[in-house]
Amino acid sequence: MVIRKLNLDIVIGVTSEIPETEFPEVAFAGKSNVGKSSLINALMNRKSYARTSSQPGKTQTINFYNINDCMFLVDLPGYGYANANQAVKAKWGKMIERYLKTSKQLKQVFLLIDIRHDPSANDKLMYDWIVSNGFHPVIIATKLDKIKRSQVAKQVKAVRTGLGLGKEDILIPFSSQTKQGLEELWALVDSYVLPEGE
């Protein structure tokens, strides 16, 4: 998809209603500091549209980016970092769950996992949770540029095993620095949001 128009149309917080949008949505989830904002900026071909931060947990809202008036890219709050207290974490969890359960336009969830590490308990929990809400998330193994080429196959296997993925589950190794995996990712996004044959 060539991005001709891009707006942050809707931002919802913990108490907001989940909006009914007119376009198909794809959502991106991942733990804090996994490179979600960087990935979204790479997807949107912008340097700093989604705010990146070295401080985990920057995104505390659900952000709906309107692309070309034909789809929404939905940025979900990062999960599982230490600074938020339990009450805040619980509220975010409920907000994300409410979105997964009530959005009529959500076509697919992409879950980001850091390729350098085995999936954490939080990653596994999030994966199982997305599946229990009726989705088969696409896994994006981020920070690909941070490991040697020779390690890629081993780390991909570790992520697949750690999450309990089947052969049919999609995993895309990705680097927001080198843009490796970007075309493949866009092709997948297009397949979920564009009418057949476009």
N, C-alpha and C. Protein backbone atom coordinates (compact mmCIF):
# COMPACT_ATOMS: atom_id res chain seq x y z
N MET A 1 0.84 -1.20 0.00
CA MET A 1 0.00 0.00 0.00
C MET A 1 0.88 1.25 0.00
N VAL A 2 0.58 2.16 -0.88
CA VAL A 2 1.29 3.44 -0.90
C VAL A 2 0.52 4.39 0.01
N ILE A 3 1.20 4.96 0.99
CA ILE A 3 0.50 5.83 1.94
C ILE A 3 0.43 7.24 1.37
N ARG A 4 -0.79 7.65 1.08
CA ARG A 4 -1.00 9.00 0.57
C ARG A 4 -1.51 9.93 1.66
N LYS A 5 -2.17 9.34 2.64
CA LYS A 5 -2.77 10.16 3.68
C LYS A 5 -2.66 9.43 5.01
N LEU A 6 -2.31 10.16 6.04
CA LEU A 6 -2.10 9.53 7.35
C LEU A 6 -2.53 10.49 8.45
N ASN A 7 -3.42 10.02 9.31
CA ASN A 7 -3.85 10.84 10.45
C ASN A 7 -4.00 9.98 11.69
N LEU A 8 -3.65 10.55 12.82
CA LEU A 8 -4.00 9.90 14.09
C LEU A 8 -5.42 10.37 14.38
N ASP A 9 -6.40 9.54 14.04
CA ASP A 9 -7.81 9.96 14.09
C ASP A 9 -8.44 9.82 15.47
N ILE A 10 -8.11 8.71 16.16
CA ILE A 10 -8.81 8.41 17.41
C ILE A 10 -7.79 7.97 18.45
N VAL A 11 -7.90 8.52 19.64
CA VAL A 11 -7.09 8.07 20.78
C VAL A 11 -8.05 7.75 21.90
N ILE A 12 -8.00 6.51 22.40
CA ILE A 12 -8.91 6.19 23.50
C ILE A 12 -8.13 5.77 24.74
N GLY A 13 -8.63 6.19 25.87
CA GLY A 13 -8.00 5.87 27.15
C GLY A 13 -8.77 4.76 27.86
N VAL A 14 -8.41 4.58 29.11
CA VAL A 14 -8.94 3.47 29.90
C VAL A 14 -10.45 3.49 30.00
N THR A 15 -11.03 4.69 30.12
CA THR A 15 -12.47 4.76 30.34
C THR A 15 -13.28 4.99 29.08
N SER A 16 -12.58 5.16 27.94
CA SER A 16 -13.31 5.49 26.71
C SER A 16 -14.08 4.29 26.17
N GLU A 17 -15.12 4.62 25.44
CA GLU A 17 -15.83 3.58 24.69
C GLU A 17 -14.97 3.17 23.49
N ILE A 18 -15.08 1.91 23.09
CA ILE A 18 -14.39 1.46 21.87
C ILE A 18 -15.16 2.01 20.67
N PRO A 19 -14.49 2.76 19.79
CA PRO A 19 -15.23 3.39 18.69
C PRO A 19 -15.64 2.38 17.63
N GLU A 20 -16.75 2.66 16.98
CA GLU A 20 -17.14 1.87 15.81
C GLU A 20 -16.61 2.61 14.59
N THR A 21 -15.62 2.06 13.94
CA THR A 21 -15.00 2.75 12.81
C THR A 21 -15.58 2.21 11.50
N GLU A 22 -15.30 2.94 10.44
CA GLU A 22 -15.89 2.55 9.14
C GLU A 22 -14.91 1.74 8.29
N PHE A 23 -13.66 1.62 8.74
CA PHE A 23 -12.65 0.93 7.94
C PHE A 23 -12.12 -0.29 8.67
N PRO A 24 -11.59 -1.28 7.91
CA PRO A 24 -10.99 -2.43 8.57
C PRO A 24 -9.77 -2.02 9.41
N GLU A 25 -9.53 -2.78 10.48
CA GLU A 25 -8.46 -2.45 11.43
C GLU A 25 -7.49 -3.63 11.54
N VAL A 26 -6.20 -3.31 11.66
CA VAL A 26 -5.22 -4.30 12.11
C VAL A 26 -4.54 -3.72 13.34
N ALA A 27 -4.37 -4.56 14.37
CA ALA A 27 -3.84 -4.07 15.64
C ALA A 27 -2.46 -4.65 15.90
N PHE A 28 -1.63 -3.83 16.57
CA PHE A 28 -0.27 -4.24 16.90
C PHE A 28 -0.11 -4.25 18.42
N ALA A 29 0.30 -5.41 18.95
CA ALA A 29 0.49 -5.57 20.38
C ALA A 29 1.92 -6.03 20.64
N GLY A 30 2.40 -5.76 21.82
CA GLY A 30 3.76 -6.21 22.17
C GLY A 30 4.14 -5.63 23.50
N LYS A 31 5.12 -6.26 24.15
CA LYS A 31 5.47 -5.74 25.46
C LYS A 31 6.26 -4.45 25.30
N SER A 32 6.33 -3.71 26.38
CA SER A 32 7.02 -2.42 26.35
C SER A 32 8.46 -2.61 25.86
N ASN A 33 8.88 -1.65 25.03
CA ASN A 33 10.26 -1.63 24.52
C ASN A 33 10.59 -2.73 23.53
N VAL A 34 9.58 -3.33 22.91
CA VAL A 34 9.84 -4.39 21.93
C VAL A 34 10.07 -3.79 20.53
N GLY A 35 9.84 -2.47 20.42
CA GLY A 35 10.07 -1.81 19.13
C GLY A 35 8.79 -1.56 18.35
N LYS A 36 7.68 -1.44 19.08
CA LYS A 36 6.38 -1.29 18.40
C LYS A 36 6.27 0.07 17.70
N SER A 37 6.63 1.13 18.40
CA SER A 37 6.55 2.46 17.77
C SER A 37 7.47 2.55 16.56
N SER A 38 8.67 1.96 16.68
CA SER A 38 9.61 1.97 15.55
C SER A 38 9.04 1.21 14.36
N LEU A 39 8.39 0.08 14.64
CA LEU A 39 7.79 -0.71 13.57
C LEU A 39 6.67 0.07 12.89
N ILE A 40 5.84 0.72 13.71
CA ILE A 40 4.72 1.48 13.14
C ILE A 40 5.24 2.64 12.30
N ASN A 41 6.29 3.30 12.79
CA ASN A 41 6.89 4.38 11.99
C ASN A 41 7.44 3.84 10.67
N ALA A 42 8.06 2.66 10.70
CA ALA A 42 8.60 2.05 9.47
C ALA A 42 7.46 1.71 8.52
N LEU A 43 6.39 1.16 9.06
CA LEU A 43 5.24 0.81 8.22
C LEU A 43 4.66 2.06 7.56
N MET A 44 4.59 3.14 8.33
CA MET A 44 3.96 4.36 7.83
C MET A 44 4.96 5.26 7.09
N ASN A 45 6.21 4.77 7.03
CA ASN A 45 7.25 5.51 6.32
C ASN A 45 7.42 6.92 6.87
N ARG A 46 7.35 7.02 8.18
CA ARG A 46 7.56 8.31 8.86
C ARG A 46 8.65 8.11 9.90
N LYS A 47 9.38 9.19 10.18
CA LYS A 47 10.46 9.08 11.15
C LYS A 47 9.94 8.94 12.58
N SER A 48 9.00 9.80 12.95
CA SER A 48 8.61 9.80 14.37
C SER A 48 7.13 10.09 14.53
N TYR A 49 6.32 9.40 13.74
CA TYR A 49 4.87 9.63 13.85
C TYR A 49 4.34 9.00 15.13
N ALA A 50 4.68 7.73 15.32
CA ALA A 50 4.38 7.10 16.61
C ALA A 50 5.56 7.46 17.51
N ARG A 51 5.27 7.94 18.70
CA ARG A 51 6.35 8.41 19.57
C ARG A 51 7.15 7.22 20.09
N THR A 52 8.47 7.24 19.80
CA THR A 52 9.32 6.19 20.35
C THR A 52 9.93 6.73 21.63
N SER A 53 10.27 5.84 22.51
CA SER A 53 10.83 6.27 23.78
C SER A 53 11.69 5.16 24.34
N SER A 54 12.80 5.56 24.99
CA SER A 54 13.61 4.53 25.64
C SER A 54 12.96 4.16 26.97
N GLN A 55 11.99 4.98 27.36
CA GLN A 55 11.28 4.70 28.61
C GLN A 55 10.10 3.79 28.29
N PRO A 56 10.10 2.56 28.81
CA PRO A 56 9.03 1.63 28.47
C PRO A 56 7.66 2.15 28.90
N GLY A 57 6.64 1.70 28.18
CA GLY A 57 5.28 2.01 28.59
C GLY A 57 4.81 3.38 28.19
N LYS A 58 5.39 3.93 27.12
CA LYS A 58 5.02 5.27 26.68
C LYS A 58 3.58 5.31 26.16
N THR A 59 3.21 4.28 25.40
CA THR A 59 1.85 4.24 24.85
C THR A 59 0.89 3.73 25.92
N GLN A 60 0.05 4.60 26.44
CA GLN A 60 -0.90 4.17 27.47
C GLN A 60 -2.33 4.32 26.97
N THR A 61 -2.45 4.54 25.69
CA THR A 61 -3.77 4.68 25.07
C THR A 61 -3.81 3.76 23.86
N ILE A 62 -5.01 3.54 23.31
CA ILE A 62 -5.11 2.84 22.05
C ILE A 62 -5.21 3.90 20.96
N ASN A 63 -4.27 3.87 20.03
CA ASN A 63 -4.19 4.90 19.00
C ASN A 63 -4.61 4.32 17.65
N PHE A 64 -5.54 5.01 16.99
CA PHE A 64 -6.04 4.57 15.68
C PHE A 64 -5.47 5.48 14.60
N TYR A 65 -4.57 4.95 13.78
CA TYR A 65 -4.00 5.72 12.68
C TYR A 65 -4.79 5.42 11.41
N ASN A 66 -5.38 6.46 10.85
CA ASN A 66 -6.15 6.33 9.62
C ASN A 66 -5.19 6.42 8.43
N ILE A 67 -5.13 5.35 7.64
CA ILE A 67 -4.26 5.33 6.46
C ILE A 67 -5.12 5.37 5.20
N ASN A 68 -4.95 6.43 4.42
CA ASN A 68 -5.61 6.58 3.10
C ASN A 68 -7.13 6.51 3.16
N ASP A 69 -7.71 6.77 4.32
CA ASP A 69 -9.17 6.63 4.46
C ASP A 69 -9.66 5.27 3.99
N CYS A 70 -8.82 4.23 4.23
CA CYS A 70 -9.28 2.89 3.84
C CYS A 70 -8.97 1.84 4.90
N MET A 71 -8.17 2.20 5.92
CA MET A 71 -7.87 1.24 6.99
C MET A 71 -7.41 1.98 8.23
N PHE A 72 -7.48 1.31 9.36
CA PHE A 72 -6.89 1.83 10.60
C PHE A 72 -5.80 0.89 11.07
N LEU A 73 -4.64 1.48 11.37
CA LEU A 73 -3.58 0.75 12.02
C LEU A 73 -3.72 1.10 13.51
N VAL A 74 -3.93 0.09 14.34
CA VAL A 74 -4.26 0.33 15.74
C VAL A 74 -3.09 -0.07 16.62
N ASP A 75 -2.59 0.90 17.39
CA ASP A 75 -1.44 0.70 18.27
C ASP A 75 -1.96 0.46 19.69
N LEU A 76 -1.74 -0.76 20.20
CA LEU A 76 -2.21 -1.09 21.55
C LEU A 76 -1.12 -0.79 22.57
N PRO A 77 -1.50 -0.47 23.80
CA PRO A 77 -0.48 -0.15 24.83
C PRO A 77 0.45 -1.34 25.07
N GLY A 78 1.72 -1.04 25.32
CA GLY A 78 2.68 -2.10 25.66
C GLY A 78 2.31 -2.74 26.99
N TYR A 79 2.66 -4.00 27.13
CA TYR A 79 2.31 -4.70 28.37
C TYR A 79 3.57 -5.18 29.07
N GLY A 80 3.42 -5.43 30.35
CA GLY A 80 4.43 -6.18 31.09
C GLY A 80 5.70 -5.43 31.43
N TYR A 81 5.64 -4.14 31.72
CA TYR A 81 6.87 -3.53 32.21
C TYR A 81 6.69 -3.18 33.69
N ALA A 82 7.81 -3.00 34.36
CA ALA A 82 7.79 -3.00 35.83
C ALA A 82 7.21 -1.73 36.44
N ASN A 83 7.28 -0.60 35.74
CA ASN A 83 6.95 0.66 36.41
C ASN A 83 5.47 0.88 36.71
N ALA A 84 4.60 0.21 35.95
CA ALA A 84 3.16 0.42 36.18
C ALA A 84 2.72 -0.42 37.38
N ASN A 85 1.89 0.16 38.21
CA ASN A 85 1.40 -0.65 39.32
C ASN A 85 0.31 -1.60 38.83
N GLN A 86 -0.06 -2.54 39.69
CA GLN A 86 -1.00 -3.60 39.28
C GLN A 86 -2.35 -3.04 38.83
N ALA A 87 -2.82 -2.01 39.52
CA ALA A 87 -4.13 -1.45 39.18
C ALA A 87 -4.11 -0.87 37.77
N VAL A 88 -3.03 -0.17 37.44
CA VAL A 88 -2.90 0.42 36.10
C VAL A 88 -2.82 -0.69 35.06
N LYS A 89 -2.01 -1.71 35.36
CA LYS A 89 -1.87 -2.84 34.42
C LYS A 89 -3.22 -3.51 34.19
N ALA A 90 -3.96 -3.69 35.26
CA ALA A 90 -5.27 -4.35 35.14
C ALA A 90 -6.20 -3.53 34.26
N LYS A 91 -6.17 -2.21 34.43
CA LYS A 91 -7.04 -1.34 33.60
C LYS A 91 -6.65 -1.42 32.13
N TRP A 92 -5.34 -1.41 31.85
CA TRP A 92 -4.89 -1.52 30.46
C TRP A 92 -5.33 -2.84 29.88
N GLY A 93 -5.16 -3.91 30.68
CA GLY A 93 -5.56 -5.24 30.21
C GLY A 93 -7.03 -5.26 29.84
N LYS A 94 -7.84 -4.66 30.70
CA LYS A 94 -9.29 -4.63 30.43
C LYS A 94 -9.58 -3.82 29.17
N MET A 95 -8.84 -2.73 29.00
CA MET A 95 -9.05 -1.86 27.83
C MET A 95 -8.71 -2.64 26.55
N ILE A 96 -7.57 -3.34 26.55
CA ILE A 96 -7.17 -4.10 25.36
C ILE A 96 -8.18 -5.23 25.12
N GLU A 97 -8.58 -5.90 26.20
CA GLU A 97 -9.53 -7.00 26.05
C GLU A 97 -10.86 -6.50 25.48
N ARG A 98 -11.29 -5.35 25.98
CA ARG A 98 -12.56 -4.77 25.51
C ARG A 98 -12.46 -4.49 24.00
N TYR A 99 -11.30 -3.98 23.61
CA TYR A 99 -11.10 -3.69 22.18
C TYR A 99 -11.14 -4.98 21.36
N LEU A 100 -10.40 -6.01 21.80
CA LEU A 100 -10.35 -7.27 21.05
C LEU A 100 -11.74 -7.90 20.94
N LYS A 101 -12.51 -7.75 22.00
CA LYS A 101 -13.83 -8.40 22.03
C LYS A 101 -14.91 -7.61 21.29
N THR A 102 -14.78 -6.28 21.27
CA THR A 102 -15.91 -5.49 20.76
C THR A 102 -15.68 -4.85 19.40
N SER A 103 -14.43 -4.74 18.95
CA SER A 103 -14.22 -4.11 17.64
C SER A 103 -14.81 -4.98 16.54
N LYS A 104 -15.70 -4.39 15.77
CA LYS A 104 -16.33 -5.13 14.68
C LYS A 104 -15.45 -5.15 13.44
N GLN A 105 -14.48 -4.24 13.39
CA GLN A 105 -13.66 -4.09 12.18
C GLN A 105 -12.28 -4.73 12.29
N LEU A 106 -11.95 -5.26 13.46
CA LEU A 106 -10.59 -5.79 13.66
C LEU A 106 -10.40 -7.06 12.83
N LYS A 107 -9.46 -7.01 11.89
CA LYS A 107 -9.23 -8.14 10.98
C LYS A 107 -8.09 -9.04 11.44
N GLN A 108 -7.07 -8.46 12.07
CA GLN A 108 -5.93 -9.26 12.49
C GLN A 108 -5.16 -8.55 13.59
N VAL A 109 -4.53 -9.37 14.45
CA VAL A 109 -3.66 -8.85 15.50
C VAL A 109 -2.24 -9.32 15.20
N PHE A 110 -1.31 -8.37 15.24
CA PHE A 110 0.11 -8.68 15.07
C PHE A 110 0.77 -8.57 16.44
N LEU A 111 1.47 -9.61 16.85
CA LEU A 111 2.12 -9.62 18.17
C LEU A 111 3.62 -9.55 17.97
N LEU A 112 4.24 -8.55 18.58
CA LEU A 112 5.68 -8.34 18.45
C LEU A 112 6.43 -9.04 19.57
N ILE A 113 7.46 -9.78 19.19
CA ILE A 113 8.31 -10.48 20.15
C ILE A 113 9.76 -10.14 19.79
N ASP A 114 10.58 -9.83 20.79
CA ASP A 114 12.00 -9.52 20.57
C ASP A 114 12.73 -10.81 20.17
N ILE A 115 13.29 -10.82 18.96
CA ILE A 115 13.91 -12.04 18.42
C ILE A 115 15.14 -12.47 19.23
N ARG A 116 15.70 -11.56 20.01
CA ARG A 116 16.94 -11.88 20.74
C ARG A 116 16.70 -12.78 21.94
N HIS A 117 15.46 -12.81 22.41
CA HIS A 117 15.18 -13.54 23.66
C HIS A 117 14.07 -14.56 23.46
N ASP A 118 14.10 -15.61 24.26
CA ASP A 118 12.97 -16.52 24.28
C ASP A 118 11.75 -15.75 24.76
N PRO A 119 10.56 -16.10 24.26
CA PRO A 119 9.35 -15.39 24.72
C PRO A 119 9.20 -15.47 26.24
N SER A 120 8.84 -14.33 26.83
CA SER A 120 8.67 -14.27 28.29
C SER A 120 7.30 -14.84 28.66
N ALA A 121 7.09 -14.99 29.96
CA ALA A 121 5.78 -15.45 30.45
C ALA A 121 4.70 -14.48 29.99
N ASN A 122 5.01 -13.17 30.00
CA ASN A 122 4.05 -12.16 29.55
C ASN A 122 3.73 -12.31 28.07
N ASP A 123 4.77 -12.60 27.27
CA ASP A 123 4.55 -12.80 25.83
C ASP A 123 3.61 -13.98 25.60
N LYS A 124 3.88 -15.07 26.30
CA LYS A 124 3.08 -16.29 26.15
C LYS A 124 1.64 -16.02 26.57
N LEU A 125 1.50 -15.28 27.68
CA LEU A 125 0.18 -14.93 28.20
C LEU A 125 -0.59 -14.11 27.16
N MET A 126 0.10 -13.12 26.58
CA MET A 126 -0.54 -12.25 25.60
C MET A 126 -0.94 -13.06 24.36
N TYR A 127 -0.05 -13.94 23.94
CA TYR A 127 -0.35 -14.77 22.77
C TYR A 127 -1.60 -15.63 23.04
N ASP A 128 -1.60 -16.32 24.16
CA ASP A 128 -2.73 -17.19 24.50
C ASP A 128 -4.03 -16.39 24.63
N TRP A 129 -3.88 -15.18 25.15
CA TRP A 129 -5.02 -14.30 25.38
C TRP A 129 -5.63 -13.85 24.05
N ILE A 130 -4.77 -13.48 23.11
CA ILE A 130 -5.25 -13.07 21.78
C ILE A 130 -5.95 -14.25 21.10
N VAL A 131 -5.35 -15.43 21.22
CA VAL A 131 -5.94 -16.64 20.63
C VAL A 131 -7.31 -16.91 21.26
N SER A 132 -7.38 -16.75 22.60
CA SER A 132 -8.65 -17.04 23.29
C SER A 132 -9.74 -16.03 22.91
N ASN A 133 -9.32 -14.88 22.37
CA ASN A 133 -10.29 -13.89 21.89
C ASN A 133 -10.65 -14.11 20.42
N GLY A 134 -10.20 -15.24 19.88
CA GLY A 134 -10.67 -15.62 18.55
C GLY A 134 -9.76 -15.25 17.39
N PHE A 135 -8.52 -14.83 17.69
CA PHE A 135 -7.60 -14.43 16.62
C PHE A 135 -6.43 -15.40 16.53
N HIS A 136 -5.85 -15.50 15.33
CA HIS A 136 -4.59 -16.23 15.16
C HIS A 136 -3.53 -15.17 14.89
N PRO A 137 -2.87 -14.67 15.92
CA PRO A 137 -1.98 -13.53 15.69
C PRO A 137 -0.80 -13.87 14.78
N VAL A 138 -0.41 -12.89 13.98
CA VAL A 138 0.82 -12.99 13.21
C VAL A 138 1.94 -12.52 14.13
N ILE A 139 3.02 -13.31 14.23
CA ILE A 139 4.13 -12.94 15.11
C ILE A 139 5.16 -12.15 14.32
N ILE A 140 5.57 -11.01 14.85
CA ILE A 140 6.65 -10.24 14.24
C ILE A 140 7.83 -10.29 15.20
N ALA A 141 8.91 -10.94 14.75
CA ALA A 141 10.12 -11.06 15.58
C ALA A 141 10.99 -9.83 15.32
N THR A 142 10.94 -8.87 16.24
CA THR A 142 11.59 -7.56 16.03
C THR A 142 13.07 -7.59 16.39
N LYS A 143 13.75 -6.47 16.04
CA LYS A 143 15.16 -6.23 16.37
C LYS A 143 16.08 -7.25 15.68
N LEU A 144 15.70 -7.61 14.47
CA LEU A 144 16.46 -8.58 13.68
C LEU A 144 17.88 -8.11 13.43
N ASP A 145 18.06 -6.78 13.31
CA ASP A 145 19.41 -6.25 13.03
C ASP A 145 20.35 -6.40 14.23
N LYS A 146 19.80 -6.76 15.39
CA LYS A 146 20.62 -6.85 16.60
C LYS A 146 21.26 -8.24 16.77
N ILE A 147 20.92 -9.18 15.88
CA ILE A 147 21.56 -10.50 15.99
C ILE A 147 22.28 -10.83 14.69
N LYS A 148 23.25 -11.76 14.79
CA LYS A 148 24.00 -12.16 13.60
C LYS A 148 23.10 -12.99 12.69
N ARG A 149 23.40 -12.93 11.40
CA ARG A 149 22.63 -13.73 10.44
C ARG A 149 22.58 -15.20 10.82
N SER A 150 23.74 -15.68 11.29
CA SER A 150 23.86 -17.11 11.61
C SER A 150 22.94 -17.52 12.77
N GLN A 151 22.46 -16.53 13.54
CA GLN A 151 21.62 -16.84 14.71
C GLN A 151 20.12 -16.81 14.38
N VAL A 152 19.78 -16.29 13.20
CA VAL A 152 18.37 -16.02 12.92
C VAL A 152 17.50 -17.27 13.01
N ALA A 153 17.91 -18.34 12.32
CA ALA A 153 17.09 -19.56 12.29
C ALA A 153 16.89 -20.10 13.70
N LYS A 154 17.96 -20.08 14.49
CA LYS A 154 17.88 -20.60 15.87
C LYS A 154 16.91 -19.77 16.71
N GLN A 155 16.98 -18.44 16.56
CA GLN A 155 16.12 -17.57 17.37
C GLN A 155 14.66 -17.64 16.91
N VAL A 156 14.46 -17.77 15.60
CA VAL A 156 13.10 -17.92 15.08
C VAL A 156 12.48 -19.19 15.66
N LYS A 157 13.28 -20.24 15.68
CA LYS A 157 12.80 -21.51 16.24
C LYS A 157 12.47 -21.35 17.73
N ALA A 158 13.33 -20.63 18.44
CA ALA A 158 13.11 -20.42 19.88
C ALA A 158 11.81 -19.67 20.13
N VAL A 159 11.52 -18.67 19.30
CA VAL A 159 10.27 -17.91 19.45
C VAL A 159 9.08 -18.81 19.14
N ARG A 160 9.18 -19.56 18.05
CA ARG A 160 8.09 -20.47 17.67
C ARG A 160 7.81 -21.49 18.77
N THR A 161 8.89 -22.09 19.28
CA THR A 161 8.74 -23.11 20.33
C THR A 161 8.18 -22.48 21.60
N GLY A 162 8.74 -21.30 21.97
CA GLY A 162 8.32 -20.64 23.20
C GLY A 162 6.85 -20.27 23.23
N LEU A 163 6.30 -19.95 22.05
CA LEU A 163 4.89 -19.57 21.99
C LEU A 163 4.00 -20.77 21.66
N GLY A 164 4.64 -21.88 21.28
CA GLY A 164 3.85 -23.05 20.90
C GLY A 164 3.16 -22.88 19.56
N LEU A 165 3.87 -22.25 18.61
CA LEU A 165 3.27 -22.01 17.28
C LEU A 165 3.21 -23.30 16.46
N GLY A 166 2.19 -23.38 15.63
CA GLY A 166 2.09 -24.48 14.69
C GLY A 166 2.74 -24.09 13.37
N LYS A 167 2.87 -25.07 12.47
CA LYS A 167 3.50 -24.81 11.16
C LYS A 167 2.76 -23.74 10.37
N GLU A 168 1.43 -23.69 10.57
CA GLU A 168 0.61 -22.75 9.77
C GLU A 168 0.68 -21.33 10.33
N ASP A 169 1.21 -21.16 11.53
CA ASP A 169 1.28 -19.82 12.14
C ASP A 169 2.38 -19.00 11.47
N ILE A 170 2.07 -17.75 11.18
CA ILE A 170 3.01 -16.89 10.45
C ILE A 170 3.93 -16.16 11.43
N LEU A 171 5.23 -16.20 11.12
CA LEU A 171 6.21 -15.42 11.89
C LEU A 171 7.08 -14.67 10.89
N ILE A 172 7.21 -13.36 11.08
CA ILE A 172 8.03 -12.53 10.18
C ILE A 172 9.19 -11.92 10.97
N PRO A 173 10.43 -12.31 10.67
CA PRO A 173 11.57 -11.60 11.27
C PRO A 173 11.61 -10.18 10.70
N PHE A 174 11.83 -9.20 11.58
CA PHE A 174 11.68 -7.80 11.15
C PHE A 174 12.73 -6.91 11.79
N SER A 175 13.20 -5.93 11.01
CA SER A 175 14.06 -4.88 11.55
C SER A 175 13.56 -3.52 11.10
N SER A 176 13.28 -2.65 12.06
CA SER A 176 12.84 -1.29 11.68
C SER A 176 14.04 -0.47 11.20
N GLN A 177 15.27 -0.93 11.52
CA GLN A 177 16.48 -0.22 11.07
C GLN A 177 16.75 -0.51 9.60
N THR A 178 16.79 -1.80 9.24
CA THR A 178 17.15 -2.17 7.86
C THR A 178 15.92 -2.33 6.97
N LYS A 179 14.73 -2.30 7.60
CA LYS A 179 13.43 -2.49 6.90
C LYS A 179 13.26 -3.92 6.38
N GLN A 180 14.11 -4.84 6.84
CA GLN A 180 13.93 -6.23 6.44
C GLN A 180 12.60 -6.75 7.00
N GLY A 181 11.82 -7.38 6.15
CA GLY A 181 10.52 -7.90 6.57
C GLY A 181 9.37 -6.93 6.32
N LEU A 182 9.71 -5.70 5.94
CA LEU A 182 8.67 -4.67 5.78
C LEU A 182 7.72 -4.98 4.62
N GLU A 183 8.28 -5.38 3.48
CA GLU A 183 7.43 -5.69 2.32
C GLU A 183 6.49 -6.85 2.62
N GLU A 184 7.06 -7.86 3.27
CA GLU A 184 6.26 -9.04 3.61
C GLU A 184 5.12 -8.65 4.57
N LEU A 185 5.46 -7.77 5.50
CA LEU A 185 4.47 -7.32 6.47
C LEU A 185 3.35 -6.53 5.80
N TRP A 186 3.74 -5.63 4.90
CA TRP A 186 2.72 -4.84 4.20
C TRP A 186 1.82 -5.73 3.33
N ALA A 187 2.44 -6.73 2.69
CA ALA A 187 1.66 -7.64 1.84
C ALA A 187 0.59 -8.33 2.70
N LEU A 188 0.98 -8.71 3.91
CA LEU A 188 0.03 -9.36 4.81
C LEU A 188 -1.06 -8.39 5.26
N VAL A 189 -0.65 -7.19 5.66
CA VAL A 189 -1.64 -6.18 6.08
C VAL A 189 -2.64 -5.95 4.95
N ASP A 190 -2.12 -5.75 3.74
CA ASP A 190 -3.00 -5.54 2.58
C ASP A 190 -3.99 -6.69 2.43
N SER A 191 -3.50 -7.91 2.63
CA SER A 191 -4.37 -9.08 2.43
C SER A 191 -5.54 -9.08 3.41
N TYR A 192 -5.35 -8.43 4.58
CA TYR A 192 -6.45 -8.39 5.57
C TYR A 192 -7.38 -7.21 5.35
N VAL A 193 -6.86 -6.11 4.82
CA VAL A 193 -7.70 -4.89 4.81
C VAL A 193 -8.22 -4.49 3.43
N LEU A 194 -7.57 -4.95 2.37
CA LEU A 194 -8.04 -4.52 1.05
C LEU A 194 -9.07 -5.49 0.51
N PRO A 195 -10.07 -4.97 -0.20
CA PRO A 195 -11.01 -5.89 -0.85
C PRO A 195 -10.26 -6.79 -1.81
N GLU A 196 -10.74 -7.99 -1.99
CA GLU A 196 -10.06 -8.95 -2.88
C GLU A 196 -9.82 -8.33 -4.25
N GLY A 197 -8.61 -8.56 -4.75
CA GLY A 197 -8.33 -8.13 -6.12
C GLY A 197 -7.82 -6.72 -6.23
N GLU A 198 -7.67 -6.01 -5.10
CA GLU A 198 -7.13 -4.63 -5.22
C GLU A 198 -5.62 -4.64 -5.10
